[in-house]
Amino acid sequence: MKKILFFMIYISLDVFAEPILKLNNQDEVLSLKNYGYYFEDKNGNYTLKDILNKENQEKFQKLDQDYFSRPATKSAFWFKFDISNLTDQDVWLLVATSLAFEIDFYSPNEKGFYERPVLTGILRGEESKLYPNNWFWLPLNKAKDIKIKTFYFRITEEAPFRVGTTRSLISFKAPYDYFTAGYFGV
């Protein structure tokens, strides 16, 4: 009877736990679909401190699509997700658009605190990019960093979000580059 009760408690806790994106294979590219959450900042003026507020944390909604899109709005959107890197390579977040005006990316330090954000986007100049590419790459967990970390980012545009190693994201992006080159070549 004790085993059944323990199992029921374990299952009920697991149902309410937020899903953790676990990158197991250095060749896979994962979507934030069903792993990420978003919050609409209707005035676009919230800070990370506002977002970390318990009341706003409860307003996050599950990201249930591969490509985040909403009708045109003046809102900013905040995203959060938990990740663990089980590979032997660094892991990146890919914001797969070349049209993101501004991206504010918040990464926890070793103690779990969020310090200065990475500020990138086309309005912030090419030098703001952390990886030389026409899309936006943001660093997540280092190689073999299995510690679960929560990342936040703010963006005002729609875009697909992917997670993977440098190798897997380059492979993921290659068909888009070939298509673009072919289009302009014709």
N, C-alpha and C. Protein backbone atom coordinates (compact mmCIF):
# COMPACT_ATOMS: atom_id res chain seq x y z
N MET A 1 0.82 -1.19 0.00
CA MET A 1 0.00 0.00 0.00
C MET A 1 0.87 1.26 0.00
N LYS A 2 1.98 1.25 0.79
CA LYS A 2 2.86 2.40 0.85
C LYS A 2 3.50 2.66 -0.50
N LYS A 3 3.84 1.59 -1.22
CA LYS A 3 4.44 1.74 -2.55
C LYS A 3 3.46 2.40 -3.51
N ILE A 4 2.21 2.01 -3.45
CA ILE A 4 1.19 2.58 -4.34
C ILE A 4 0.98 4.05 -4.01
N LEU A 5 0.91 4.39 -2.74
CA LEU A 5 0.73 5.78 -2.32
C LEU A 5 1.92 6.63 -2.77
N PHE A 6 3.15 6.12 -2.58
CA PHE A 6 4.35 6.83 -3.01
C PHE A 6 4.33 7.05 -4.53
N PHE A 7 3.96 6.03 -5.28
CA PHE A 7 3.91 6.11 -6.74
C PHE A 7 2.88 7.16 -7.17
N MET A 8 1.72 7.20 -6.52
CA MET A 8 0.68 8.18 -6.88
C MET A 8 1.16 9.60 -6.59
N ILE A 9 1.86 9.79 -5.48
CA ILE A 9 2.39 11.13 -5.15
C ILE A 9 3.45 11.51 -6.18
N TYR A 10 4.32 10.57 -6.53
CA TYR A 10 5.37 10.83 -7.51
C TYR A 10 4.76 11.22 -8.87
N ILE A 11 3.77 10.48 -9.31
CA ILE A 11 3.11 10.77 -10.59
C ILE A 11 2.43 12.13 -10.53
N SER A 12 1.74 12.46 -9.45
CA SER A 12 1.04 13.74 -9.37
C SER A 12 2.03 14.90 -9.37
N LEU A 13 3.19 14.74 -8.73
CA LEU A 13 4.19 15.80 -8.76
C LEU A 13 4.76 15.96 -10.15
N ASP A 14 4.97 14.86 -10.85
CA ASP A 14 5.54 14.90 -12.19
C ASP A 14 4.58 15.56 -13.18
N VAL A 15 3.29 15.40 -13.00
CA VAL A 15 2.30 16.00 -13.90
C VAL A 15 2.38 17.52 -13.84
N PHE A 16 2.66 18.07 -12.65
CA PHE A 16 2.68 19.51 -12.49
C PHE A 16 4.06 20.13 -12.71
N ALA A 17 5.07 19.30 -12.88
CA ALA A 17 6.42 19.81 -13.11
C ALA A 17 6.53 20.35 -14.54
N GLU A 18 7.31 21.42 -14.66
CA GLU A 18 7.53 21.97 -16.00
C GLU A 18 8.47 21.04 -16.76
N PRO A 19 8.19 20.82 -18.03
CA PRO A 19 9.05 19.92 -18.81
C PRO A 19 10.45 20.51 -19.01
N ILE A 20 11.42 19.63 -19.01
CA ILE A 20 12.81 20.04 -19.17
C ILE A 20 13.28 19.55 -20.53
N LEU A 21 13.79 20.47 -21.32
CA LEU A 21 14.34 20.12 -22.62
C LEU A 21 15.71 19.50 -22.37
N LYS A 22 15.87 18.24 -22.74
CA LYS A 22 17.13 17.54 -22.54
C LYS A 22 17.72 17.23 -23.91
N LEU A 23 18.86 17.82 -24.17
CA LEU A 23 19.55 17.57 -25.43
C LEU A 23 20.49 16.39 -25.20
N ASN A 24 20.16 15.23 -25.80
CA ASN A 24 20.90 13.99 -25.60
C ASN A 24 21.90 13.70 -26.70
N ASN A 25 21.63 14.22 -27.88
CA ASN A 25 22.41 13.86 -29.06
C ASN A 25 22.94 15.13 -29.70
N GLN A 26 24.22 15.17 -29.99
CA GLN A 26 24.83 16.37 -30.56
C GLN A 26 24.36 16.67 -31.97
N ASP A 27 23.67 15.72 -32.62
CA ASP A 27 23.19 15.94 -33.99
C ASP A 27 21.72 16.35 -34.05
N GLU A 28 21.04 16.40 -32.92
CA GLU A 28 19.61 16.74 -32.96
C GLU A 28 19.38 18.23 -32.79
N VAL A 29 18.30 18.68 -33.40
CA VAL A 29 17.83 20.06 -33.26
C VAL A 29 16.43 19.95 -32.68
N LEU A 30 16.20 20.59 -31.55
CA LEU A 30 14.91 20.49 -30.87
C LEU A 30 14.16 21.80 -30.92
N SER A 31 12.86 21.70 -31.00
CA SER A 31 11.98 22.86 -30.96
C SER A 31 11.64 23.16 -29.51
N LEU A 32 11.29 24.39 -29.23
CA LEU A 32 10.82 24.74 -27.89
C LEU A 32 9.35 24.36 -27.69
N LYS A 33 8.71 23.88 -28.77
CA LYS A 33 7.31 23.46 -28.66
C LYS A 33 7.16 22.46 -27.51
N ASN A 34 6.21 22.72 -26.64
CA ASN A 34 5.90 21.90 -25.47
C ASN A 34 6.95 21.96 -24.37
N TYR A 35 8.05 22.68 -24.57
CA TYR A 35 9.07 22.85 -23.54
C TYR A 35 9.16 24.31 -23.09
N GLY A 36 8.77 25.22 -23.95
CA GLY A 36 8.87 26.63 -23.65
C GLY A 36 7.54 27.21 -23.21
N TYR A 37 7.62 28.39 -22.62
CA TYR A 37 6.44 29.13 -22.17
C TYR A 37 6.59 30.57 -22.62
N TYR A 38 5.47 31.24 -22.84
CA TYR A 38 5.53 32.64 -23.24
C TYR A 38 4.56 33.48 -22.42
N PHE A 39 4.87 34.76 -22.36
CA PHE A 39 4.08 35.73 -21.63
C PHE A 39 3.99 36.98 -22.49
N GLU A 40 2.79 37.50 -22.67
CA GLU A 40 2.61 38.71 -23.48
C GLU A 40 2.70 39.94 -22.58
N ASP A 41 3.66 40.78 -22.90
CA ASP A 41 3.88 42.06 -22.23
C ASP A 41 3.21 43.11 -23.11
N LYS A 42 1.95 43.40 -22.84
CA LYS A 42 1.13 44.23 -23.73
C LYS A 42 1.69 45.63 -23.99
N ASN A 43 2.36 46.21 -23.00
CA ASN A 43 2.94 47.54 -23.18
C ASN A 43 4.40 47.50 -23.59
N GLY A 44 4.99 46.33 -23.51
CA GLY A 44 6.38 46.17 -23.89
C GLY A 44 7.38 46.84 -22.97
N ASN A 45 7.00 47.03 -21.69
CA ASN A 45 7.90 47.75 -20.80
C ASN A 45 8.30 46.96 -19.55
N TYR A 46 8.03 45.66 -19.50
CA TYR A 46 8.42 44.86 -18.35
C TYR A 46 9.93 44.62 -18.37
N THR A 47 10.50 44.52 -17.17
CA THR A 47 11.90 44.15 -17.02
C THR A 47 11.94 42.68 -16.58
N LEU A 48 13.13 42.12 -16.53
CA LEU A 48 13.24 40.74 -16.06
C LEU A 48 12.75 40.64 -14.62
N LYS A 49 13.02 41.66 -13.82
CA LYS A 49 12.54 41.65 -12.42
C LYS A 49 11.02 41.53 -12.38
N ASP A 50 10.32 42.24 -13.28
CA ASP A 50 8.86 42.13 -13.36
C ASP A 50 8.45 40.71 -13.76
N ILE A 51 9.17 40.13 -14.70
CA ILE A 51 8.84 38.80 -15.22
C ILE A 51 9.06 37.73 -14.15
N LEU A 52 10.08 37.91 -13.32
CA LEU A 52 10.37 36.92 -12.27
C LEU A 52 9.39 36.99 -11.10
N ASN A 53 8.58 38.03 -11.07
CA ASN A 53 7.54 38.19 -10.06
C ASN A 53 6.59 36.98 -10.13
N LYS A 54 6.24 36.41 -8.98
CA LYS A 54 5.41 35.21 -8.93
C LYS A 54 4.09 35.38 -9.69
N GLU A 55 3.48 36.54 -9.56
CA GLU A 55 2.20 36.79 -10.25
C GLU A 55 2.35 36.67 -11.77
N ASN A 56 3.43 37.21 -12.31
CA ASN A 56 3.65 37.11 -13.76
C ASN A 56 4.11 35.72 -14.17
N GLN A 57 4.85 35.03 -13.31
CA GLN A 57 5.27 33.66 -13.62
C GLN A 57 4.06 32.77 -13.84
N GLU A 58 3.00 33.01 -13.10
CA GLU A 58 1.78 32.21 -13.23
C GLU A 58 1.01 32.52 -14.51
N LYS A 59 1.35 33.61 -15.18
CA LYS A 59 0.66 33.99 -16.42
C LYS A 59 1.32 33.41 -17.68
N PHE A 60 2.47 32.77 -17.52
CA PHE A 60 3.13 32.17 -18.68
C PHE A 60 2.25 31.04 -19.23
N GLN A 61 2.18 30.96 -20.54
CA GLN A 61 1.40 29.93 -21.23
C GLN A 61 2.34 29.01 -21.99
N LYS A 62 1.94 27.75 -22.11
CA LYS A 62 2.78 26.77 -22.80
C LYS A 62 2.88 27.12 -24.28
N LEU A 63 4.08 27.02 -24.82
CA LEU A 63 4.33 27.22 -26.24
C LEU A 63 3.95 25.93 -26.95
N ASP A 64 2.87 25.95 -27.70
CA ASP A 64 2.35 24.72 -28.28
C ASP A 64 2.46 24.67 -29.81
N GLN A 65 3.39 25.43 -30.34
CA GLN A 65 3.60 25.41 -31.78
C GLN A 65 5.08 25.57 -32.09
N ASP A 66 5.50 25.07 -33.24
CA ASP A 66 6.91 25.16 -33.64
C ASP A 66 7.32 26.58 -34.00
N TYR A 67 6.40 27.33 -34.56
CA TYR A 67 6.68 28.68 -35.04
C TYR A 67 5.80 29.62 -34.25
N PHE A 68 6.39 30.48 -33.43
CA PHE A 68 5.60 31.41 -32.64
C PHE A 68 5.15 32.57 -33.51
N SER A 69 3.85 32.75 -33.62
CA SER A 69 3.33 33.89 -34.38
C SER A 69 2.04 34.38 -33.74
N ARG A 70 1.86 35.66 -33.82
CA ARG A 70 0.65 36.34 -33.33
C ARG A 70 0.33 37.45 -34.32
N PRO A 71 -0.93 37.90 -34.36
CA PRO A 71 -1.24 39.05 -35.21
C PRO A 71 -0.39 40.25 -34.80
N ALA A 72 -0.17 41.15 -35.72
CA ALA A 72 0.65 42.34 -35.45
C ALA A 72 0.16 43.03 -34.18
N THR A 73 1.11 43.40 -33.35
CA THR A 73 0.78 43.99 -32.07
C THR A 73 1.95 44.85 -31.59
N LYS A 74 1.70 45.70 -30.62
CA LYS A 74 2.78 46.49 -30.01
C LYS A 74 3.36 45.76 -28.81
N SER A 75 2.86 44.57 -28.54
CA SER A 75 3.33 43.80 -27.39
C SER A 75 4.73 43.27 -27.62
N ALA A 76 5.39 43.02 -26.51
CA ALA A 76 6.64 42.25 -26.52
C ALA A 76 6.28 40.90 -25.92
N PHE A 77 7.02 39.88 -26.28
CA PHE A 77 6.76 38.55 -25.75
C PHE A 77 8.00 38.04 -25.03
N TRP A 78 7.76 37.51 -23.84
CA TRP A 78 8.81 36.91 -23.03
C TRP A 78 8.68 35.41 -23.14
N PHE A 79 9.81 34.72 -23.21
CA PHE A 79 9.84 33.28 -23.29
C PHE A 79 10.73 32.74 -22.19
N LYS A 80 10.40 31.55 -21.72
CA LYS A 80 11.26 30.88 -20.76
C LYS A 80 11.25 29.39 -21.05
N PHE A 81 12.36 28.74 -20.73
CA PHE A 81 12.44 27.29 -20.88
C PHE A 81 13.57 26.77 -20.00
N ASP A 82 13.45 25.50 -19.61
CA ASP A 82 14.46 24.82 -18.81
C ASP A 82 15.19 23.83 -19.71
N ILE A 83 16.51 23.74 -19.55
CA ILE A 83 17.30 22.86 -20.39
C ILE A 83 18.42 22.20 -19.60
N SER A 84 18.76 20.99 -20.05
CA SER A 84 19.91 20.26 -19.54
C SER A 84 20.68 19.74 -20.74
N ASN A 85 21.98 19.97 -20.77
CA ASN A 85 22.81 19.55 -21.89
C ASN A 85 23.51 18.23 -21.55
N LEU A 86 23.11 17.16 -22.22
CA LEU A 86 23.70 15.85 -21.98
C LEU A 86 24.71 15.48 -23.07
N THR A 87 25.10 16.45 -23.89
CA THR A 87 26.07 16.20 -24.96
C THR A 87 27.44 16.70 -24.53
N ASP A 88 28.44 16.43 -25.37
CA ASP A 88 29.79 16.91 -25.07
C ASP A 88 30.14 18.15 -25.90
N GLN A 89 29.11 18.88 -26.32
CA GLN A 89 29.29 20.13 -27.06
C GLN A 89 28.44 21.23 -26.44
N ASP A 90 28.84 22.47 -26.67
CA ASP A 90 28.03 23.61 -26.22
C ASP A 90 26.70 23.60 -26.94
N VAL A 91 25.67 24.11 -26.27
CA VAL A 91 24.32 24.16 -26.84
C VAL A 91 23.91 25.61 -27.02
N TRP A 92 23.21 25.87 -28.11
CA TRP A 92 22.77 27.22 -28.48
C TRP A 92 21.27 27.25 -28.69
N LEU A 93 20.70 28.43 -28.50
CA LEU A 93 19.32 28.72 -28.90
C LEU A 93 19.40 29.44 -30.23
N LEU A 94 18.65 28.98 -31.20
CA LEU A 94 18.60 29.62 -32.52
C LEU A 94 17.26 30.33 -32.66
N VAL A 95 17.31 31.64 -32.85
CA VAL A 95 16.11 32.41 -33.20
C VAL A 95 16.19 32.51 -34.73
N ALA A 96 15.42 31.66 -35.39
CA ALA A 96 15.57 31.43 -36.82
C ALA A 96 14.85 32.49 -37.66
N THR A 97 15.35 33.70 -37.56
CA THR A 97 14.87 34.80 -38.40
C THR A 97 15.99 35.81 -38.52
N SER A 98 16.03 36.49 -39.64
CA SER A 98 17.02 37.56 -39.80
C SER A 98 16.37 38.91 -39.57
N LEU A 99 15.10 38.91 -39.17
CA LEU A 99 14.34 40.15 -39.03
C LEU A 99 14.02 40.56 -37.59
N ALA A 100 14.60 39.89 -36.62
CA ALA A 100 14.31 40.23 -35.22
C ALA A 100 14.91 41.61 -34.91
N PHE A 101 14.08 42.57 -34.59
CA PHE A 101 14.56 43.91 -34.30
C PHE A 101 15.40 43.94 -33.04
N GLU A 102 14.84 43.41 -31.95
CA GLU A 102 15.55 43.40 -30.68
C GLU A 102 15.29 42.09 -29.95
N ILE A 103 16.36 41.49 -29.44
CA ILE A 103 16.26 40.30 -28.60
C ILE A 103 17.05 40.59 -27.33
N ASP A 104 16.40 40.40 -26.19
CA ASP A 104 17.06 40.53 -24.89
C ASP A 104 17.12 39.12 -24.31
N PHE A 105 18.32 38.60 -24.10
CA PHE A 105 18.51 37.22 -23.68
C PHE A 105 19.13 37.17 -22.29
N TYR A 106 18.49 36.44 -21.37
CA TYR A 106 18.93 36.36 -19.98
C TYR A 106 19.36 34.94 -19.64
N SER A 107 20.61 34.83 -19.24
CA SER A 107 21.22 33.54 -18.93
C SER A 107 21.63 33.54 -17.46
N PRO A 108 21.33 32.46 -16.73
CA PRO A 108 21.72 32.44 -15.31
C PRO A 108 23.22 32.19 -15.14
N ASN A 109 23.81 32.82 -14.13
CA ASN A 109 25.21 32.56 -13.83
C ASN A 109 25.30 31.27 -13.00
N GLU A 110 26.47 30.94 -12.50
CA GLU A 110 26.68 29.70 -11.74
C GLU A 110 25.82 29.62 -10.48
N LYS A 111 25.47 30.78 -9.92
CA LYS A 111 24.66 30.80 -8.70
C LYS A 111 23.17 30.92 -9.01
N GLY A 112 22.81 30.95 -10.30
CA GLY A 112 21.40 31.02 -10.69
C GLY A 112 20.85 32.42 -10.81
N PHE A 113 21.72 33.44 -10.72
CA PHE A 113 21.27 34.82 -10.83
C PHE A 113 21.41 35.31 -12.27
N TYR A 114 20.54 36.20 -12.65
CA TYR A 114 20.57 36.78 -14.00
C TYR A 114 21.23 38.15 -13.92
N GLU A 115 22.35 38.28 -14.60
CA GLU A 115 23.06 39.55 -14.58
C GLU A 115 22.71 40.33 -15.84
N ARG A 116 23.69 40.85 -16.52
CA ARG A 116 23.43 41.63 -17.73
C ARG A 116 22.95 40.74 -18.86
N PRO A 117 21.93 41.18 -19.57
CA PRO A 117 21.43 40.38 -20.69
C PRO A 117 22.31 40.55 -21.93
N VAL A 118 22.20 39.59 -22.83
CA VAL A 118 22.78 39.74 -24.16
C VAL A 118 21.73 40.52 -24.96
N LEU A 119 22.13 41.63 -25.54
CA LEU A 119 21.23 42.47 -26.33
C LEU A 119 21.65 42.36 -27.78
N THR A 120 20.78 41.82 -28.61
CA THR A 120 21.09 41.65 -30.03
C THR A 120 19.84 41.95 -30.86
N GLY A 121 19.97 41.83 -32.16
CA GLY A 121 18.88 42.12 -33.07
C GLY A 121 19.35 43.08 -34.15
N ILE A 122 18.59 43.21 -35.22
CA ILE A 122 19.06 44.02 -36.35
C ILE A 122 19.17 45.50 -36.00
N LEU A 123 18.41 45.96 -35.03
CA LEU A 123 18.51 47.37 -34.62
C LEU A 123 19.72 47.62 -33.73
N ARG A 124 20.36 46.56 -33.29
CA ARG A 124 21.51 46.70 -32.39
C ARG A 124 22.84 46.44 -33.09
N GLY A 125 22.80 46.23 -34.37
CA GLY A 125 24.03 46.11 -35.15
C GLY A 125 24.59 44.71 -35.24
N GLU A 126 25.35 44.50 -36.28
CA GLU A 126 25.97 43.20 -36.54
C GLU A 126 26.93 42.79 -35.43
N GLU A 127 27.59 43.74 -34.81
CA GLU A 127 28.55 43.43 -33.75
C GLU A 127 27.89 42.86 -32.49
N SER A 128 26.57 42.97 -32.38
CA SER A 128 25.87 42.43 -31.21
C SER A 128 25.64 40.92 -31.33
N LYS A 129 25.87 40.35 -32.50
CA LYS A 129 25.67 38.91 -32.69
C LYS A 129 26.82 38.14 -32.05
N LEU A 130 26.46 37.06 -31.35
CA LEU A 130 27.47 36.25 -30.67
C LEU A 130 28.02 35.14 -31.57
N TYR A 131 27.33 34.87 -32.66
CA TYR A 131 27.79 33.86 -33.63
C TYR A 131 27.60 34.48 -35.01
N PRO A 132 28.63 34.45 -35.85
CA PRO A 132 28.53 35.12 -37.16
C PRO A 132 27.56 34.40 -38.09
N ASN A 133 26.37 34.95 -38.20
CA ASN A 133 25.32 34.31 -38.97
C ASN A 133 24.25 35.34 -39.26
N ASN A 134 23.38 35.06 -40.25
CA ASN A 134 22.30 35.99 -40.50
C ASN A 134 21.10 35.75 -39.58
N TRP A 135 21.07 34.62 -38.86
CA TRP A 135 20.08 34.37 -37.83
C TRP A 135 20.72 34.67 -36.48
N PHE A 136 19.99 34.53 -35.42
CA PHE A 136 20.49 34.90 -34.10
C PHE A 136 20.72 33.65 -33.24
N TRP A 137 21.95 33.48 -32.80
CA TRP A 137 22.36 32.35 -31.97
C TRP A 137 22.67 32.88 -30.57
N LEU A 138 22.14 32.20 -29.55
CA LEU A 138 22.35 32.62 -28.17
C LEU A 138 22.86 31.43 -27.36
N PRO A 139 23.95 31.60 -26.60
CA PRO A 139 24.57 30.47 -25.91
C PRO A 139 23.75 29.99 -24.71
N LEU A 140 23.61 28.68 -24.62
CA LEU A 140 22.91 28.06 -23.50
C LEU A 140 23.95 27.32 -22.64
N ASN A 141 23.70 26.07 -22.34
CA ASN A 141 24.60 25.30 -21.49
C ASN A 141 25.89 24.93 -22.23
N LYS A 142 26.98 24.96 -21.49
CA LYS A 142 28.27 24.51 -22.02
C LYS A 142 28.26 22.99 -22.16
N ALA A 143 29.26 22.46 -22.84
CA ALA A 143 29.40 21.02 -23.01
C ALA A 143 29.35 20.31 -21.67
N LYS A 144 28.58 19.24 -21.61
CA LYS A 144 28.44 18.38 -20.42
C LYS A 144 27.89 19.11 -19.20
N ASP A 145 27.24 20.24 -19.41
CA ASP A 145 26.62 20.98 -18.30
C ASP A 145 25.21 20.44 -18.13
N ILE A 146 25.09 19.39 -17.33
CA ILE A 146 23.80 18.72 -17.18
C ILE A 146 22.89 19.44 -16.18
N LYS A 147 23.42 20.45 -15.51
CA LYS A 147 22.62 21.21 -14.55
C LYS A 147 21.43 21.85 -15.28
N ILE A 148 20.26 21.72 -14.71
CA ILE A 148 19.06 22.30 -15.32
C ILE A 148 19.08 23.81 -15.08
N LYS A 149 18.98 24.56 -16.16
CA LYS A 149 18.98 26.01 -16.09
C LYS A 149 17.74 26.57 -16.77
N THR A 150 17.25 27.69 -16.26
CA THR A 150 16.11 28.37 -16.85
C THR A 150 16.61 29.62 -17.57
N PHE A 151 16.27 29.72 -18.85
CA PHE A 151 16.65 30.87 -19.66
C PHE A 151 15.41 31.68 -20.00
N TYR A 152 15.60 32.99 -20.14
CA TYR A 152 14.53 33.90 -20.53
C TYR A 152 15.00 34.73 -21.72
N PHE A 153 14.07 35.04 -22.61
CA PHE A 153 14.38 36.02 -23.64
C PHE A 153 13.12 36.77 -24.02
N ARG A 154 13.35 37.98 -24.49
CA ARG A 154 12.27 38.91 -24.87
C ARG A 154 12.46 39.24 -26.33
N ILE A 155 11.36 39.21 -27.09
CA ILE A 155 11.41 39.51 -28.51
C ILE A 155 10.07 40.12 -28.92
N THR A 156 10.08 40.93 -29.94
CA THR A 156 8.84 41.56 -30.40
C THR A 156 8.33 40.98 -31.71
N GLU A 157 9.09 40.12 -32.33
CA GLU A 157 8.70 39.55 -33.62
C GLU A 157 8.35 38.08 -33.48
N GLU A 158 7.73 37.55 -34.52
CA GLU A 158 7.44 36.12 -34.56
C GLU A 158 8.65 35.40 -35.14
N ALA A 159 8.87 34.17 -34.69
CA ALA A 159 10.02 33.41 -35.17
C ALA A 159 9.95 31.98 -34.68
N PRO A 160 10.61 31.07 -35.39
CA PRO A 160 10.79 29.72 -34.85
C PRO A 160 12.01 29.70 -33.93
N PHE A 161 11.95 28.89 -32.90
CA PHE A 161 13.05 28.78 -31.95
C PHE A 161 13.52 27.33 -31.94
N ARG A 162 14.84 27.13 -32.04
CA ARG A 162 15.41 25.79 -32.05
C ARG A 162 16.59 25.73 -31.09
N VAL A 163 16.87 24.55 -30.57
CA VAL A 163 17.99 24.33 -29.67
C VAL A 163 18.83 23.20 -30.22
N GLY A 164 20.15 23.39 -30.21
CA GLY A 164 21.05 22.34 -30.67
C GLY A 164 22.49 22.75 -30.50
N THR A 165 23.38 21.86 -30.92
CA THR A 165 24.81 22.15 -30.89
C THR A 165 25.15 22.97 -32.14
N THR A 166 26.33 23.52 -32.19
CA THR A 166 26.76 24.28 -33.36
C THR A 166 26.64 23.41 -34.60
N ARG A 167 27.11 22.20 -34.51
CA ARG A 167 27.08 21.25 -35.64
C ARG A 167 25.66 20.99 -36.12
N SER A 168 24.74 20.70 -35.22
CA SER A 168 23.38 20.38 -35.62
C SER A 168 22.64 21.60 -36.17
N LEU A 169 22.90 22.77 -35.60
CA LEU A 169 22.21 23.98 -36.09
C LEU A 169 22.73 24.39 -37.46
N ILE A 170 24.01 24.19 -37.73
CA ILE A 170 24.55 24.49 -39.06
C ILE A 170 23.90 23.56 -40.08
N SER A 171 23.76 22.28 -39.75
CA SER A 171 23.09 21.33 -40.64
C SER A 171 21.63 21.70 -40.84
N PHE A 172 20.98 22.13 -39.77
CA PHE A 172 19.57 22.54 -39.85
C PHE A 172 19.39 23.74 -40.77
N LYS A 173 20.34 24.66 -40.73
CA LYS A 173 20.24 25.90 -41.49
C LYS A 173 20.67 25.76 -42.95
N ALA A 174 21.47 24.77 -43.27
CA ALA A 174 22.03 24.60 -44.62
C ALA A 174 20.98 24.63 -45.73
N PRO A 175 19.87 23.91 -45.63
CA PRO A 175 18.88 23.96 -46.72
C PRO A 175 18.33 25.38 -46.96
N TYR A 176 18.18 26.16 -45.91
CA TYR A 176 17.71 27.53 -46.06
C TYR A 176 18.74 28.38 -46.82
N ASP A 177 20.01 28.15 -46.53
CA ASP A 177 21.07 28.88 -47.22
C ASP A 177 21.11 28.50 -48.70
N TYR A 178 20.96 27.20 -49.00
CA TYR A 178 20.97 26.75 -50.40
C TYR A 178 19.77 27.33 -51.16
N PHE A 179 18.63 27.35 -50.51
CA PHE A 179 17.44 27.92 -51.15
C PHE A 179 17.65 29.41 -51.45
N THR A 180 18.18 30.14 -50.46
CA THR A 180 18.41 31.57 -50.64
C THR A 180 19.42 31.81 -51.75
N ALA A 181 20.51 31.05 -51.77
CA ALA A 181 21.53 31.20 -52.82
C ALA A 181 20.94 30.87 -54.20
N GLY A 182 20.15 29.82 -54.27
CA GLY A 182 19.50 29.47 -55.54
C GLY A 182 18.53 30.54 -56.02
N TYR A 183 17.76 31.09 -55.07
CA TYR A 183 16.81 32.13 -55.42
C TYR A 183 17.51 33.35 -56.02
N PHE A 184 18.56 33.80 -55.32
CA PHE A 184 19.28 34.97 -55.81
C PHE A 184 20.11 34.64 -57.05
N GLY A 185 20.53 33.39 -57.18
CA GLY A 185 21.30 32.99 -58.37
C GLY A 185 20.44 33.00 -59.63
N VAL A 186 19.17 32.64 -59.47
CA VAL A 186 18.26 32.62 -60.62
C VAL A 186 17.93 34.05 -60.99
